[in-house]
Amino acid sequence: MPCLNPDGTLTATARKLLTALEAETVDALRLAGVTRLPLWQVRASLRELRGQDLLEFAMPHGDDNDRPHRLTPIGAEVLDLSRALDGDTTE
């Protein structure tokens, strides 16, 4: 489940997840509810976004699938750049 397009821009799913995590630090289950995405898709996307250093675990211990996540500084920058490329000035 790629979170980056071939040109390096964020997919719609990745942008939705990063935007939700910009507002609050949450776990996969809550994130699925907030974004209305299937839980399996959220979990797969979280793994990939962590692998790209756009997200990190907010707590050091616990089940990987259920630990809260937060944006990294790189994730916040990529989200801002994505908005700028789309001409979206709302936050």
PDB file of N, CA and C in Angstrom:
ATOM      1  N   MET A   1       0.850  -1.170   0.000  1.00  0.00           N
ATOM      2  CA  MET A   1       0.000   0.000   0.000  1.00  0.00           C
ATOM      3  C   MET A   1       0.897   1.236   0.000  1.00  0.00           C
ATOM      4  N   PRO A   2       1.273   1.701  -1.173  1.00  0.00           N
ATOM      5  CA  PRO A   2       2.196   2.835  -1.235  1.00  0.00           C
ATOM      6  C   PRO A   2       1.564   4.127  -0.692  1.00  0.00           C
ATOM      7  N   CYS A   3       2.398   4.884   0.010  1.00  0.00           N
ATOM      8  CA  CYS A   3       1.952   6.165   0.553  1.00  0.00           C
ATOM      9  C   CYS A   3       2.549   7.333  -0.224  1.00  0.00           C
ATOM     10  N   LEU A   4       3.452   6.990  -1.128  1.00  0.00           N
ATOM     11  CA  LEU A   4       4.046   8.017  -1.979  1.00  0.00           C
ATOM     12  C   LEU A   4       3.775   7.668  -3.433  1.00  0.00           C
ATOM     13  N   ASN A   5       3.425   8.671  -4.218  1.00  0.00           N
ATOM     14  CA  ASN A   5       3.252   8.494  -5.645  1.00  0.00           C
ATOM     15  C   ASN A   5       4.618   8.358  -6.308  1.00  0.00           C
ATOM     16  N   PRO A   6       4.672   7.855  -7.544  1.00  0.00           N
ATOM     17  CA  PRO A   6       5.958   7.718  -8.233  1.00  0.00           C
ATOM     18  C   PRO A   6       6.753   9.028  -8.335  1.00  0.00           C
ATOM     19  N   ASP A   7       6.050  10.161  -8.346  1.00  0.00           N
ATOM     20  CA  ASP A   7       6.746  11.450  -8.426  1.00  0.00           C
ATOM     21  C   ASP A   7       7.185  11.973  -7.059  1.00  0.00           C
ATOM     22  N   GLY A   8       6.951  11.173  -6.000  1.00  0.00           N
ATOM     23  CA  GLY A   8       7.390  11.559  -4.661  1.00  0.00           C
ATOM     24  C   GLY A   8       6.364  12.318  -3.846  1.00  0.00           C
ATOM     25  N   THR A   9       5.220  12.624  -4.414  1.00  0.00           N
ATOM     26  CA  THR A   9       4.177  13.323  -3.679  1.00  0.00           C
ATOM     27  C   THR A   9       3.375  12.330  -2.838  1.00  0.00           C
ATOM     28  N   LEU A  10       2.654  12.843  -1.860  1.00  0.00           N
ATOM     29  CA  LEU A  10       1.837  12.001  -0.989  1.00  0.00           C
ATOM     30  C   LEU A  10       0.599  11.485  -1.715  1.00  0.00           C
ATOM     31  N   THR A  11       0.239  10.244  -1.432  1.00  0.00           N
ATOM     32  CA  THR A  11      -1.033   9.732  -1.923  1.00  0.00           C
ATOM     33  C   THR A  11      -2.146  10.377  -1.098  1.00  0.00           C
ATOM     34  N   ALA A  12      -3.370  10.241  -1.572  1.00  0.00           N
ATOM     35  CA  ALA A  12      -4.513  10.807  -0.839  1.00  0.00           C
ATOM     36  C   ALA A  12      -4.636  10.171   0.548  1.00  0.00           C
ATOM     37  N   THR A  13      -4.395   8.863   0.643  1.00  0.00           N
ATOM     38  CA  THR A  13      -4.477   8.175   1.930  1.00  0.00           C
ATOM     39  C   THR A  13      -3.422   8.696   2.895  1.00  0.00           C
ATOM     40  N   ALA A  14      -2.195   8.809   2.424  1.00  0.00           N
ATOM     41  CA  ALA A  14      -1.113   9.300   3.279  1.00  0.00           C
ATOM     42  C   ALA A  14      -1.404  10.718   3.757  1.00  0.00           C
ATOM     43  N   ARG A  15      -1.888  11.537   2.865  1.00  0.00           N
ATOM     44  CA  ARG A  15      -2.181  12.922   3.251  1.00  0.00           C
ATOM     45  C   ARG A  15      -3.296  12.974   4.292  1.00  0.00           C
ATOM     46  N   LYS A  16      -4.303  12.131   4.124  1.00  0.00           N
ATOM     47  CA  LYS A  16      -5.408  12.082   5.085  1.00  0.00           C
ATOM     48  C   LYS A  16      -4.893  11.669   6.467  1.00  0.00           C
ATOM     49  N   LEU A  17      -4.023  10.659   6.505  1.00  0.00           N
ATOM     50  CA  LEU A  17      -3.485  10.188   7.780  1.00  0.00           C
ATOM     51  C   LEU A  17      -2.576  11.234   8.429  1.00  0.00           C
ATOM     52  N   LEU A  18      -1.697  11.828   7.641  1.00  0.00           N
ATOM     53  CA  LEU A  18      -0.799  12.847   8.199  1.00  0.00           C
ATOM     54  C   LEU A  18      -1.583  14.052   8.704  1.00  0.00           C
ATOM     55  N   THR A  19      -2.612  14.431   7.983  1.00  0.00           N
ATOM     56  CA  THR A  19      -3.441  15.564   8.409  1.00  0.00           C
ATOM     57  C   THR A  19      -4.139  15.251   9.731  1.00  0.00           C
ATOM     58  N   ALA A  20      -4.655  14.035   9.864  1.00  0.00           N
ATOM     59  CA  ALA A  20      -5.311  13.644  11.116  1.00  0.00           C
ATOM     60  C   ALA A  20      -4.316  13.628  12.268  1.00  0.00           C
ATOM     61  N   LEU A  21      -3.100  13.151  12.012  1.00  0.00           N
ATOM     62  CA  LEU A  21      -2.088  13.085  13.067  1.00  0.00           C
ATOM     63  C   LEU A  21      -1.488  14.448  13.384  1.00  0.00           C
ATOM     64  N   GLU A  22      -1.684  15.392  12.513  1.00  0.00           N
ATOM     65  CA  GLU A  22      -1.239  16.754  12.790  1.00  0.00           C
ATOM     66  C   GLU A  22      -2.057  17.350  13.932  1.00  0.00           C
ATOM     67  N   ALA A  23      -3.318  16.964  13.997  1.00  0.00           N
ATOM     68  CA  ALA A  23      -4.222  17.512  15.009  1.00  0.00           C
ATOM     69  C   ALA A  23      -4.058  16.842  16.369  1.00  0.00           C
ATOM     70  N   GLU A  24      -3.758  15.544  16.376  1.00  0.00           N
ATOM     71  CA  GLU A  24      -3.632  14.835  17.647  1.00  0.00           C
ATOM     72  C   GLU A  24      -2.826  13.562  17.466  1.00  0.00           C
ATOM     73  N   THR A  25      -2.248  13.089  18.534  1.00  0.00           N
ATOM     74  CA  THR A  25      -1.516  11.822  18.561  1.00  0.00           C
ATOM     75  C   THR A  25      -2.514  10.724  18.891  1.00  0.00           C
ATOM     76  N   VAL A  26      -2.670   9.756  17.970  1.00  0.00           N
ATOM     77  CA  VAL A  26      -3.665   8.699  18.168  1.00  0.00           C
ATOM     78  C   VAL A  26      -3.126   7.353  17.705  1.00  0.00           C
ATOM     79  N   ASP A  27      -3.847   6.300  18.104  1.00  0.00           N
ATOM     80  CA  ASP A  27      -3.478   4.946  17.684  1.00  0.00           C
ATOM     81  C   ASP A  27      -4.220   4.595  16.388  1.00  0.00           C
ATOM     82  N   ALA A  28      -3.905   3.422  15.856  1.00  0.00           N
ATOM     83  CA  ALA A  28      -4.461   3.008  14.563  1.00  0.00           C
ATOM     84  C   ALA A  28      -5.981   2.893  14.597  1.00  0.00           C
ATOM     85  N   LEU A  29      -6.527   2.348  15.668  1.00  0.00           N
ATOM     86  CA  LEU A  29      -7.973   2.181  15.755  1.00  0.00           C
ATOM     87  C   LEU A  29      -8.697   3.524  15.736  1.00  0.00           C
ATOM     88  N   ARG A  30      -8.222   4.452  16.523  1.00  0.00           N
ATOM     89  CA  ARG A  30      -8.839   5.795  16.551  1.00  0.00           C
ATOM     90  C   ARG A  30      -8.647   6.492  15.208  1.00  0.00           C
ATOM     91  N   LEU A  31      -7.467   6.332  14.618  1.00  0.00           N
ATOM     92  CA  LEU A  31      -7.171   6.953  13.331  1.00  0.00           C
ATOM     93  C   LEU A  31      -8.102   6.410  12.238  1.00  0.00           C
ATOM     94  N   ALA A  32      -8.385   5.117  12.289  1.00  0.00           N
ATOM     95  CA  ALA A  32      -9.318   4.529  11.325  1.00  0.00           C
ATOM     96  C   ALA A  32     -10.702   5.165  11.470  1.00  0.00           C
ATOM     97  N   GLY A  33     -11.121   5.395  12.702  1.00  0.00           N
ATOM     98  CA  GLY A  33     -12.413   6.031  12.922  1.00  0.00           C
ATOM     99  C   GLY A  33     -12.451   7.473  12.458  1.00  0.00           C
ATOM    100  N   VAL A  34     -11.377   8.203  12.732  1.00  0.00           N
ATOM    101  CA  VAL A  34     -11.317   9.619  12.360  1.00  0.00           C
ATOM    102  C   VAL A  34     -11.273   9.794  10.841  1.00  0.00           C
ATOM    103  N   THR A  35     -10.496   8.945  10.169  1.00  0.00           N
ATOM    104  CA  THR A  35     -10.315   9.086   8.721  1.00  0.00           C
ATOM    105  C   THR A  35     -11.334   8.301   7.907  1.00  0.00           C
ATOM    106  N   ARG A  36     -12.057   7.407   8.583  1.00  0.00           N
ATOM    107  CA  ARG A  36     -13.029   6.530   7.934  1.00  0.00           C
ATOM    108  C   ARG A  36     -12.368   5.612   6.901  1.00  0.00           C
ATOM    109  N   LEU A  37     -11.131   5.219   7.180  1.00  0.00           N
ATOM    110  CA  LEU A  37     -10.406   4.262   6.353  1.00  0.00           C
ATOM    111  C   LEU A  37     -10.439   2.906   7.051  1.00  0.00           C
ATOM    112  N   PRO A  38     -10.366   1.811   6.295  1.00  0.00           N
ATOM    113  CA  PRO A  38     -10.333   0.488   6.937  1.00  0.00           C
ATOM    114  C   PRO A  38      -9.099   0.348   7.828  1.00  0.00           C
ATOM    115  N   LEU A  39      -9.264  -0.349   8.952  1.00  0.00           N
ATOM    116  CA  LEU A  39      -8.180  -0.504   9.910  1.00  0.00           C
ATOM    117  C   LEU A  39      -6.946  -1.144   9.273  1.00  0.00           C
ATOM    118  N   TRP A  40      -7.138  -2.146   8.408  1.00  0.00           N
ATOM    119  CA  TRP A  40      -5.993  -2.803   7.769  1.00  0.00           C
ATOM    120  C   TRP A  40      -5.199  -1.808   6.925  1.00  0.00           C
ATOM    121  N   GLN A  41      -5.908  -0.896   6.257  1.00  0.00           N
ATOM    122  CA  GLN A  41      -5.240   0.099   5.415  1.00  0.00           C
ATOM    123  C   GLN A  41      -4.487   1.112   6.274  1.00  0.00           C
ATOM    124  N   VAL A  42      -5.074   1.501   7.387  1.00  0.00           N
ATOM    125  CA  VAL A  42      -4.413   2.431   8.302  1.00  0.00           C
ATOM    126  C   VAL A  42      -3.131   1.801   8.848  1.00  0.00           C
ATOM    127  N   ARG A  43      -3.229   0.560   9.311  1.00  0.00           N
ATOM    128  CA  ARG A  43      -2.048  -0.105   9.874  1.00  0.00           C
ATOM    129  C   ARG A  43      -0.934  -0.249   8.839  1.00  0.00           C
ATOM    130  N   ALA A  44      -1.281  -0.656   7.629  1.00  0.00           N
ATOM    131  CA  ALA A  44      -0.277  -0.806   6.572  1.00  0.00           C
ATOM    132  C   ALA A  44       0.351   0.545   6.233  1.00  0.00           C
ATOM    133  N   SER A  45      -0.462   1.568   6.167  1.00  0.00           N
ATOM    134  CA  SER A  45       0.039   2.905   5.835  1.00  0.00           C
ATOM    135  C   SER A  45       0.918   3.462   6.949  1.00  0.00           C
ATOM    136  N   LEU A  46       0.545   3.207   8.204  1.00  0.00           N
ATOM    137  CA  LEU A  46       1.367   3.664   9.325  1.00  0.00           C
ATOM    138  C   LEU A  46       2.755   3.042   9.268  1.00  0.00           C
ATOM    139  N   ARG A  47       2.807   1.731   8.958  1.00  0.00           N
ATOM    140  CA  ARG A  47       4.111   1.067   8.833  1.00  0.00           C
ATOM    141  C   ARG A  47       4.954   1.716   7.742  1.00  0.00           C
ATOM    142  N   GLU A  48       4.339   1.974   6.610  1.00  0.00           N
ATOM    143  CA  GLU A  48       5.084   2.579   5.505  1.00  0.00           C
ATOM    144  C   GLU A  48       5.513   4.011   5.840  1.00  0.00           C
ATOM    145  N   LEU A  49       4.628   4.791   6.429  1.00  0.00           N
ATOM    146  CA  LEU A  49       4.971   6.174   6.776  1.00  0.00           C
ATOM    147  C   LEU A  49       6.066   6.228   7.837  1.00  0.00           C
ATOM    148  N   ARG A  50       6.070   5.263   8.767  1.00  0.00           N
ATOM    149  CA  ARG A  50       7.183   5.172   9.717  1.00  0.00           C
ATOM    150  C   ARG A  50       8.476   4.851   8.981  1.00  0.00           C
ATOM    151  N   GLY A  51       8.402   3.966   8.008  1.00  0.00           N
ATOM    152  CA  GLY A  51       9.569   3.591   7.230  1.00  0.00           C
ATOM    153  C   GLY A  51      10.140   4.742   6.426  1.00  0.00           C
ATOM    154  N   GLN A  52       9.311   5.701   6.097  1.00  0.00           N
ATOM    155  CA  GLN A  52       9.747   6.897   5.369  1.00  0.00           C
ATOM    156  C   GLN A  52      10.140   8.030   6.329  1.00  0.00           C
ATOM    157  N   ASP A  53      10.112   7.757   7.633  1.00  0.00           N
ATOM    158  CA  ASP A  53      10.431   8.734   8.689  1.00  0.00           C
ATOM    159  C   ASP A  53       9.472   9.917   8.726  1.00  0.00           C
ATOM    160  N   LEU A  54       8.238   9.692   8.283  1.00  0.00           N
ATOM    161  CA  LEU A  54       7.227  10.751   8.334  1.00  0.00           C
ATOM    162  C   LEU A  54       6.421  10.683   9.627  1.00  0.00           C
ATOM    163  N   LEU A  55       6.433   9.500  10.258  1.00  0.00           N
ATOM    164  CA  LEU A  55       5.744   9.277  11.531  1.00  0.00           C
ATOM    165  C   LEU A  55       6.683   8.561  12.481  1.00  0.00           C
ATOM    166  N   GLU A  56       6.329   8.636  13.770  1.00  0.00           N
ATOM    167  CA  GLU A  56       7.067   7.882  14.790  1.00  0.00           C
ATOM    168  C   GLU A  56       6.086   7.462  15.867  1.00  0.00           C
ATOM    169  N   PHE A  57       6.502   6.475  16.663  1.00  0.00           N
ATOM    170  CA  PHE A  57       5.691   6.080  17.803  1.00  0.00           C
ATOM    171  C   PHE A  57       5.754   7.179  18.848  1.00  0.00           C
ATOM    172  N   ALA A  58       4.621   7.474  19.451  1.00  0.00           N
ATOM    173  CA  ALA A  58       4.574   8.493  20.494  1.00  0.00           C
ATOM    174  C   ALA A  58       4.912   7.919  21.860  1.00  0.00           C
ATOM    175  N   MET A  59       4.826   6.601  21.990  1.00  0.00           N
ATOM    176  CA  MET A  59       5.128   5.932  23.255  1.00  0.00           C
ATOM    177  C   MET A  59       6.151   4.830  22.974  1.00  0.00           C
ATOM    178  N   PRO A  60       7.104   4.636  23.857  1.00  0.00           N
ATOM    179  CA  PRO A  60       8.183   3.686  23.577  1.00  0.00           C
ATOM    180  C   PRO A  60       7.800   2.209  23.666  1.00  0.00           C
ATOM    181  N   HIS A  61       6.720   1.857  24.342  1.00  0.00           N
ATOM    182  CA  HIS A  61       6.393   0.444  24.536  1.00  0.00           C
ATOM    183  C   HIS A  61       4.956   0.162  24.149  1.00  0.00           C
ATOM    184  N   GLY A  62       4.704  -1.090  23.852  1.00  0.00           N
ATOM    185  CA  GLY A  62       3.352  -1.511  23.527  1.00  0.00           C
ATOM    186  C   GLY A  62       3.317  -2.259  22.209  1.00  0.00           C
ATOM    187  N   ASP A  63       2.144  -2.720  21.854  1.00  0.00           N
ATOM    188  CA  ASP A  63       1.932  -3.432  20.604  1.00  0.00           C
ATOM    189  C   ASP A  63       2.100  -2.460  19.441  1.00  0.00           C
ATOM    190  N   ASP A  64       2.930  -2.826  18.478  1.00  0.00           N
ATOM    191  CA  ASP A  64       3.210  -1.930  17.349  1.00  0.00           C
ATOM    192  C   ASP A  64       1.959  -1.418  16.649  1.00  0.00           C
ATOM    193  N   ASN A  65       0.965  -2.289  16.479  1.00  0.00           N
ATOM    194  CA  ASN A  65      -0.233  -1.878  15.762  1.00  0.00           C
ATOM    195  C   ASN A  65      -1.107  -0.924  16.552  1.00  0.00           C
ATOM    196  N   ASP A  66      -0.942  -0.919  17.859  1.00  0.00           N
ATOM    197  CA  ASP A  66      -1.849  -0.122  18.673  1.00  0.00           C
ATOM    198  C   ASP A  66      -1.202   1.059  19.386  1.00  0.00           C
ATOM    199  N   ARG A  67       0.084   1.262  19.171  1.00  0.00           N
ATOM    200  CA  ARG A  67       0.732   2.412  19.815  1.00  0.00           C
ATOM    201  C   ARG A  67       0.329   3.710  19.122  1.00  0.00           C
ATOM    202  N   PRO A  68       0.158   4.762  19.889  1.00  0.00           N
ATOM    203  CA  PRO A  68      -0.124   6.063  19.279  1.00  0.00           C
ATOM    204  C   PRO A  68       1.047   6.527  18.396  1.00  0.00           C
ATOM    205  N   HIS A  69       0.712   7.229  17.350  1.00  0.00           N
ATOM    206  CA  HIS A  69       1.696   7.774  16.413  1.00  0.00           C
ATOM    207  C   HIS A  69       1.623   9.296  16.423  1.00  0.00           C
ATOM    208  N   ARG A  70       2.714   9.903  15.989  1.00  0.00           N
ATOM    209  CA  ARG A  70       2.746  11.358  15.823  1.00  0.00           C
ATOM    210  C   ARG A  70       3.618  11.678  14.611  1.00  0.00           C
ATOM    211  N   LEU A  71       3.405  12.871  14.090  1.00  0.00           N
ATOM    212  CA  LEU A  71       4.223  13.353  12.974  1.00  0.00           C
ATOM    213  C   LEU A  71       5.647  13.596  13.432  1.00  0.00           C
ATOM    214  N   THR A  72       6.589  13.328  12.561  1.00  0.00           N
ATOM    215  CA  THR A  72       7.965  13.748  12.805  1.00  0.00           C
ATOM    216  C   THR A  72       8.108  15.145  12.196  1.00  0.00           C
ATOM    217  N   PRO A  73       9.183  15.855  12.493  1.00  0.00           N
ATOM    218  CA  PRO A  73       9.394  17.145  11.823  1.00  0.00           C
ATOM    219  C   PRO A  73       9.428  16.998  10.299  1.00  0.00           C
ATOM    220  N   ILE A  74       9.999  15.903   9.822  1.00  0.00           N
ATOM    221  CA  ILE A  74      10.020  15.669   8.368  1.00  0.00           C
ATOM    222  C   ILE A  74       8.603  15.457   7.849  1.00  0.00           C
ATOM    223  N   GLY A  75       7.792  14.709   8.606  1.00  0.00           N
ATOM    224  CA  GLY A  75       6.406  14.485   8.214  1.00  0.00           C
ATOM    225  C   GLY A  75       5.623  15.782   8.123  1.00  0.00           C
ATOM    226  N   ALA A  76       5.824  16.670   9.080  1.00  0.00           N
ATOM    227  CA  ALA A  76       5.138  17.968   9.055  1.00  0.00           C
ATOM    228  C   ALA A  76       5.579  18.786   7.852  1.00  0.00           C
ATOM    229  N   GLU A  77       6.871  18.721   7.541  1.00  0.00           N
ATOM    230  CA  GLU A  77       7.387  19.470   6.388  1.00  0.00           C
ATOM    231  C   GLU A  77       6.836  18.911   5.073  1.00  0.00           C
ATOM    232  N   VAL A  78       6.794  17.591   4.960  1.00  0.00           N
ATOM    233  CA  VAL A  78       6.264  16.966   3.747  1.00  0.00           C
ATOM    234  C   VAL A  78       4.777  17.296   3.581  1.00  0.00           C
ATOM    235  N   LEU A  79       4.031  17.292   4.671  1.00  0.00           N
ATOM    236  CA  LEU A  79       2.615  17.650   4.608  1.00  0.00           C
ATOM    237  C   LEU A  79       2.448  19.100   4.165  1.00  0.00           C
ATOM    238  N   ASP A  80       3.238  19.995   4.704  1.00  0.00           N
ATOM    239  CA  ASP A  80       3.174  21.403   4.290  1.00  0.00           C
ATOM    240  C   ASP A  80       3.524  21.564   2.810  1.00  0.00           C
ATOM    241  N   LEU A  81       4.550  20.849   2.354  1.00  0.00           N
ATOM    242  CA  LEU A  81       4.932  20.918   0.937  1.00  0.00           C
ATOM    243  C   LEU A  81       3.833  20.357   0.049  1.00  0.00           C
ATOM    244  N   SER A  82       3.182  19.295   0.494  1.00  0.00           N
ATOM    245  CA  SER A  82       2.083  18.709  -0.262  1.00  0.00           C
ATOM    246  C   SER A  82       0.946  19.713  -0.418  1.00  0.00           C
ATOM    247  N   ARG A  83       0.654  20.400   0.661  1.00  0.00           N
ATOM    248  CA  ARG A  83      -0.396  21.429   0.594  1.00  0.00           C
ATOM    249  C   ARG A  83      -0.005  22.559  -0.355  1.00  0.00           C
ATOM    250  N   ALA A  84       1.231  22.979  -0.295  1.00  0.00           N
ATOM    251  CA  ALA A  84       1.699  24.059  -1.161  1.00  0.00           C
ATOM    252  C   ALA A  84       1.626  23.640  -2.629  1.00  0.00           C
ATOM    253  N   LEU A  85       2.012  22.410  -2.919  1.00  0.00           N
ATOM    254  CA  LEU A  85       1.955  21.921  -4.302  1.00  0.00           C
ATOM    255  C   LEU A  85       0.527  21.848  -4.819  1.00  0.00           C
ATOM    256  N   ASP A  86      -0.405  21.549  -3.933  1.00  0.00           N
ATOM    257  CA  ASP A  86      -1.822  21.465  -4.311  1.00  0.00           C
ATOM    258  C   ASP A  86      -2.514  22.811  -4.248  1.00  0.00           C
ATOM    259  N   GLY A  87      -1.808  23.842  -3.812  1.00  0.00           N
ATOM    260  CA  GLY A  87      -2.421  25.159  -3.688  1.00  0.00           C
ATOM    261  C   GLY A  87      -3.370  25.249  -2.513  1.00  0.00           C
ATOM    262  N   ASP A  88      -3.265  24.314  -1.580  1.00  0.00           N
ATOM    263  CA  ASP A  88      -4.135  24.266  -0.396  1.00  0.00           C
ATOM    264  C   ASP A  88      -3.484  25.080   0.718  1.00  0.00           C
ATOM    265  N   THR A  89      -4.085  26.183   1.061  1.00  0.00           N
ATOM    266  CA  THR A  89      -3.531  27.034   2.102  1.00  0.00           C
ATOM    267  C   THR A  89      -4.231  26.845   3.435  1.00  0.00           C
ATOM    268  N   THR A  90      -5.248  25.958   3.464  1.00  0.00           N
ATOM    269  CA  THR A  90      -5.932  25.692   4.723  1.00  0.00           C
ATOM    270  C   THR A  90      -5.161  24.674   5.519  1.00  0.00           C
ATOM    271  N   GLU A  91      -5.315  24.712   6.832  1.00  0.00           N
ATOM    272  CA  GLU A  91      -4.616  23.732   7.684  1.00  0.00           C
ATOM    273  C   GLU A  91      -5.575  22.986   8.540  1.00  0.00           C
TER     274      GLU A  91
END
